Protein backbone atom coordinates (compact mmCIF):
# COMPACT_ATOMS: atom_id res chain seq x y z
CA MET A 1 8.00 30.04 -3.58
CA GLY A 2 11.29 29.05 -1.88
CA LEU A 3 13.58 26.16 -2.88
CA ARG A 4 12.68 24.10 0.20
CA LEU A 5 8.91 24.49 -0.34
CA LYS A 6 9.22 23.51 -3.96
CA PHE A 7 11.20 20.49 -3.02
CA ASN A 8 8.86 19.39 -0.30
CA LEU A 9 5.68 19.90 -2.44
CA MET A 10 7.32 17.66 -5.24
CA LEU A 11 8.30 15.05 -2.60
CA LEU A 12 4.87 15.13 -0.98
CA ILE A 13 3.10 14.67 -4.47
CA VAL A 14 5.29 11.73 -5.34
CA PHE A 15 4.75 10.18 -2.01
CA LEU A 16 1.04 10.47 -2.12
CA ALA A 17 0.86 9.02 -5.67
CA GLY A 18 3.01 6.14 -4.60
CA PHE A 19 1.29 5.68 -1.33
CA ALA A 20 -2.06 5.45 -3.02
CA ALA A 21 -0.80 3.03 -5.59
CA VAL A 22 0.71 0.76 -3.07
CA GLY A 23 -2.37 0.88 -0.89
CA ILE A 24 -4.60 -0.20 -3.70
CA VAL A 25 -2.35 -3.06 -4.96
CA ALA A 26 -1.64 -4.21 -1.49
CA GLN A 27 -5.24 -4.37 -0.58
CA ARG A 28 -6.12 -6.34 -3.66
CA TYR A 29 -3.23 -8.68 -3.16
CA LEU A 30 -3.91 -9.31 0.50
CA GLU A 31 -7.64 -9.90 -0.02
CA HIS A 32 -7.01 -12.32 -2.91
CA GLN A 33 -4.56 -14.19 -0.87
CA ALA A 34 -6.90 -14.23 2.18
CA ILE A 35 -9.72 -15.72 -0.02
CA ASP A 36 -7.49 -18.04 -1.65
CA ASP A 37 -6.54 -19.48 1.77
CA ALA A 38 -10.13 -19.64 2.83
CA GLN A 39 -10.87 -21.44 -0.46
CA ARG A 40 -8.12 -24.05 0.16
CA ALA A 41 -9.43 -24.57 3.73
CA ALA A 42 -12.95 -25.14 2.46
CA MET A 43 -11.80 -27.56 -0.19
CA LEU A 44 -9.73 -29.42 2.29
CA VAL A 45 -12.86 -29.79 4.66
CA LEU A 46 -15.10 -30.87 1.89
CA ASP A 47 -12.54 -33.50 0.81
CA ALA A 48 -12.27 -34.74 4.31
CA ALA A 49 -16.06 -34.79 4.77
CA GLY A 50 -16.51 -36.76 1.50
CA PHE A 51 -13.81 -39.33 2.19
CA ALA A 52 -14.73 -39.79 5.93
CA LYS A 53 -18.46 -39.31 5.41
CA LEU A 54 -18.42 -36.94 8.18
CA ASP A 55 -21.68 -35.49 9.75
CA PRO A 56 -22.04 -31.86 8.51
CA ARG A 57 -21.94 -30.66 12.18
CA ILE A 58 -18.52 -32.44 12.63
CA ALA A 59 -17.29 -31.10 9.42
CA SER A 60 -18.32 -27.52 10.41
CA GLY A 61 -16.42 -28.02 13.65
CA LEU A 62 -13.42 -29.15 11.79
CA GLY A 63 -13.82 -26.22 9.45
CA SER A 64 -14.18 -23.68 12.16
CA ARG A 65 -10.78 -24.53 13.36
CA LEU A 66 -9.43 -23.12 10.21
CA VAL A 67 -11.69 -20.24 9.34
CA ASP A 68 -15.30 -19.12 10.18
CA MET A 69 -16.81 -21.94 8.18
CA LYS A 70 -20.12 -23.83 8.04
CA ILE A 71 -20.82 -27.07 6.16
CA ARG A 72 -24.32 -28.01 5.04
CA GLU A 73 -25.68 -30.91 2.93
CA PHE A 74 -29.18 -30.60 1.32
CA SER A 75 -31.05 -31.67 -1.77
CA PRO A 76 -31.47 -29.34 -4.61
CA GLU A 77 -35.25 -30.42 -4.68
CA GLU A 78 -35.83 -28.88 -1.31
CA ASN A 79 -37.55 -25.67 -0.82
CA LEU A 80 -34.36 -23.54 -0.44
CA ARG A 81 -33.82 -19.99 0.44
CA GLY A 82 -30.89 -17.55 0.78
CA VAL A 83 -27.39 -18.78 -0.03
CA GLU A 84 -28.52 -22.43 -0.53
CA ALA A 85 -30.97 -21.30 -3.17
CA GLN A 86 -28.29 -19.25 -4.94
CA VAL A 87 -25.86 -22.12 -4.93
CA ALA A 88 -28.37 -24.73 -6.09
CA GLN A 89 -29.38 -22.38 -9.05
CA ARG A 90 -25.68 -21.75 -10.00
CA LEU A 91 -24.86 -25.42 -9.86
CA LYS A 92 -27.63 -26.24 -12.42
CA SER A 93 -25.54 -24.34 -15.06
CA ILE A 94 -22.14 -25.80 -14.00
CA SER A 95 -21.30 -29.29 -15.77
CA THR A 96 -18.34 -29.94 -13.36
CA GLY A 97 -20.72 -30.06 -10.41
CA GLN A 98 -18.46 -27.86 -8.44
CA MET A 99 -18.55 -24.13 -7.68
CA ILE A 100 -16.34 -21.58 -6.00
CA GLU A 101 -17.82 -18.04 -5.83
CA VAL A 102 -18.02 -15.01 -3.53
CA ILE A 103 -21.67 -14.45 -3.12
CA THR A 104 -23.75 -11.89 -1.27
CA ALA A 105 -26.01 -13.23 1.44
CA PRO A 106 -29.68 -11.75 1.63
CA THR A 107 -28.23 -9.85 4.85
CA GLY A 108 -25.76 -8.07 2.61
CA GLU A 109 -22.69 -10.09 3.92
CA ARG A 110 -20.13 -11.40 1.45
CA ARG A 111 -19.43 -15.13 1.82
CA LEU A 112 -17.25 -17.42 0.05
CA ALA A 113 -19.19 -20.40 -1.15
CA VAL A 114 -17.64 -23.78 -2.19
CA ALA A 115 -20.14 -26.40 -3.27
CA ARG A 116 -20.16 -29.82 -4.87
CA THR A 117 -22.88 -32.33 -5.97
CA PHE A 118 -22.74 -35.73 -5.10
CA ARG A 119 -24.81 -38.88 -5.17
CA GLY A 120 -25.64 -40.70 -2.00
CA ALA A 121 -24.26 -44.23 -1.68
CA ASP A 122 -27.53 -45.66 -0.38
CA SER A 123 -30.23 -43.71 -2.03
CA GLY A 124 -28.37 -42.59 -5.22
CA ALA A 125 -30.14 -39.19 -4.90
CA THR A 126 -28.27 -36.00 -5.94
CA SER A 127 -27.25 -33.84 -2.90
CA ILE A 128 -25.19 -30.74 -2.49
CA ARG A 129 -22.43 -30.29 0.02
CA LEU A 130 -21.84 -26.58 0.77
CA ALA A 131 -19.10 -24.96 2.69
CA THR A 132 -19.67 -21.22 3.41
CA VAL A 133 -16.93 -19.01 4.77
CA ASP A 134 -17.82 -15.73 6.33
CA LEU A 135 -15.49 -13.04 4.77
CA VAL A 136 -16.07 -10.45 7.36
CA PRO A 137 -13.48 -11.58 9.88
CA ILE A 138 -11.17 -12.44 7.04
CA LEU A 139 -11.36 -8.81 5.55
CA VAL A 140 -10.96 -7.45 9.02
CA THR A 141 -7.65 -9.23 9.22
CA VAL A 142 -6.77 -7.97 5.84
CA ASN A 143 -7.50 -4.47 6.87
CA LEU A 144 -5.38 -4.77 9.92
CA ALA A 145 -2.55 -6.06 7.87
CA LEU A 146 -2.98 -3.35 5.31
CA THR A 147 -3.03 -0.67 7.97
CA THR A 148 0.13 -2.07 9.54
CA LEU A 149 1.87 -2.01 6.20
CA MET A 150 0.71 1.44 5.24
CA SER A 151 1.72 2.76 8.62
CA SER A 152 5.15 1.34 8.41
CA ILE A 153 5.50 2.88 4.85
CA GLY A 154 4.29 6.17 6.26
CA ALA A 155 6.67 6.15 9.20
CA VAL A 156 9.61 5.33 6.73
CA PHE A 157 8.64 8.18 4.50
CA PHE A 158 8.47 10.77 7.42
CA ALA A 159 11.95 9.57 8.60
CA VAL A 160 13.26 9.91 4.95
CA PHE A 161 11.45 13.29 4.67
CA PHE A 162 13.13 14.67 7.79
CA VAL A 163 16.64 13.45 6.80
CA LEU A 164 16.30 14.76 3.22
CA ASN A 165 15.06 18.20 4.57
CA LEU A 166 18.10 18.30 7.01
CA MET A 167 20.46 17.50 4.19
CA LEU A 168 18.86 20.01 1.88
CA ASP A 169 19.11 22.79 4.49
CA ARG A 170 22.70 22.20 5.42
CA MET A 171 24.10 21.22 1.96
CA ILE A 172 22.14 23.57 -0.34
CA VAL A 173 19.69 26.07 1.16
CA ARG A 174 22.08 27.66 3.84
CA PRO A 175 25.08 27.98 1.51
CA VAL A 176 22.96 29.44 -1.36
CA ALA A 177 21.15 31.83 1.02
CA GLU A 178 24.59 32.97 2.40
CA MET A 179 26.13 33.58 -1.09
CA ALA A 180 22.85 35.37 -2.04
CA LEU A 181 23.30 37.67 0.98
CA GLN A 182 26.91 38.43 0.20
CA ALA A 183 25.99 39.08 -3.57
CA ASP A 184 23.33 41.53 -2.46
CA ALA A 185 26.00 43.31 -0.29
CA VAL A 186 28.68 43.20 -3.08
CA SER A 187 26.23 44.78 -5.51
CA ILE A 188 25.87 47.87 -3.33
CA GLY A 189 29.76 47.98 -2.73
CA ASN A 190 29.72 46.51 0.79
CA PHE A 191 32.77 44.37 1.16
CA SER A 192 32.87 44.37 4.96
CA ILE A 193 31.00 41.11 5.27
CA PRO A 194 33.21 38.03 5.67
CA GLU A 195 33.89 35.84 2.55
CA PHE A 196 31.85 32.79 1.96
CA VAL A 197 33.63 29.73 3.63
CA PRO A 198 33.03 26.44 1.49
CA LYS A 199 32.36 23.51 3.86
CA SER A 200 32.56 20.81 1.20
CA LYS A 201 34.30 20.04 -2.20
CA ASP A 202 30.98 19.23 -4.06
CA GLU A 203 29.34 21.58 -6.57
CA ILE A 204 28.22 23.98 -3.88
CA GLY A 205 31.75 24.15 -2.72
CA VAL A 206 33.01 24.89 -6.10
CA LEU A 207 30.38 27.56 -6.66
CA GLY A 208 31.52 29.17 -3.42
CA VAL A 209 35.18 29.30 -4.40
CA ALA A 210 34.14 30.81 -7.72
CA PHE A 211 31.89 33.33 -5.86
CA ASN A 212 34.75 34.52 -3.75
CA ARG A 213 37.08 34.89 -6.68
CA MET A 214 34.50 36.92 -8.40
CA ARG A 215 34.04 39.04 -5.22
CA ARG A 216 37.70 39.82 -5.04
CA SER A 217 37.92 40.61 -8.66
CA THR A 218 34.81 43.02 -8.29
CA GLU A 219 36.38 44.60 -5.19
CA GLU A 220 39.73 45.21 -7.03
CA ALA A 221 37.87 46.69 -10.02
CA ILE A 222 35.92 49.01 -7.87
CA LYS A 223 39.13 50.18 -6.09
CA LEU A 224 40.91 50.84 -9.50
CA LEU A 225 37.89 52.83 -10.79
CA LYS A 226 37.88 54.86 -7.51
CA GLY A 227 41.68 55.55 -7.96
CA THR A 228 41.39 56.52 -11.58
CA ASN A 229 40.93 60.28 -12.40
CA PHE A 230 38.72 60.97 -15.44
C-alpha cells in the first residue's frame, strides 16, 4: 500500500467519523431549535387568545401566519377522540394546568401540543384551550437546512482533500519516489542518472542533500575499490 493511499484512507476515515458526528449533532440541534420556535409561537397565540378572548378560528388564523397551527377549545367532559383525548388525559395528571409535549396522532404524524386549562368567565366550567402544530413541514425545513449544511461541509472537505493530495504529491511523494529510483540505480552501480535536485529547504530538501552526499561518497568508494589491486 502506497503512502498516498494510506494518507487518503486515514483522511477519509477521519472525515467520515467527523461528518457522521456533525450530522447527528446538527440534526438534533436544528430539530430542537425548530420545535422550541414552534412552542414559543404556540404560547404566544394562546396568550393572545386568552387575553383578547379570540374565537378559536380567529386564533387559528393568527397562529397559521407563524406556523401550521390550529387552536381548539373543548370541555374535558366531552366525548373526545384522537389528540384531544390524549391531551385531556394528560392534563388530569398535571397540577399546573398546562402541558407542552410532542405527541403522535392516530394517523402517525408527530404534533406539538400546547394546552392549558381555564375556567369560563360566564359559566365557570373548566375548558381546555389547545394549540397543535404539525411538525411535518417544520421537520422538512430542518432536513433542508441539514442537507445544505452537510453539503457545504462535504464541498469544503473535497476542496481540502484535493489541495492536500496536491501538496502531498509535490512535496513528499514525487521527491521520495525520485530518491528511491536513484537509490535503486546506485545500488547496482549505475551513476549515470542525474543527481536529485532539492526544490525546498524543508526536511525533504535536507534529506535530498544528504542523499546526494551519500551517493557521491558511494561512487568515490566504488572507484577506489576498482582501482585497488588485491
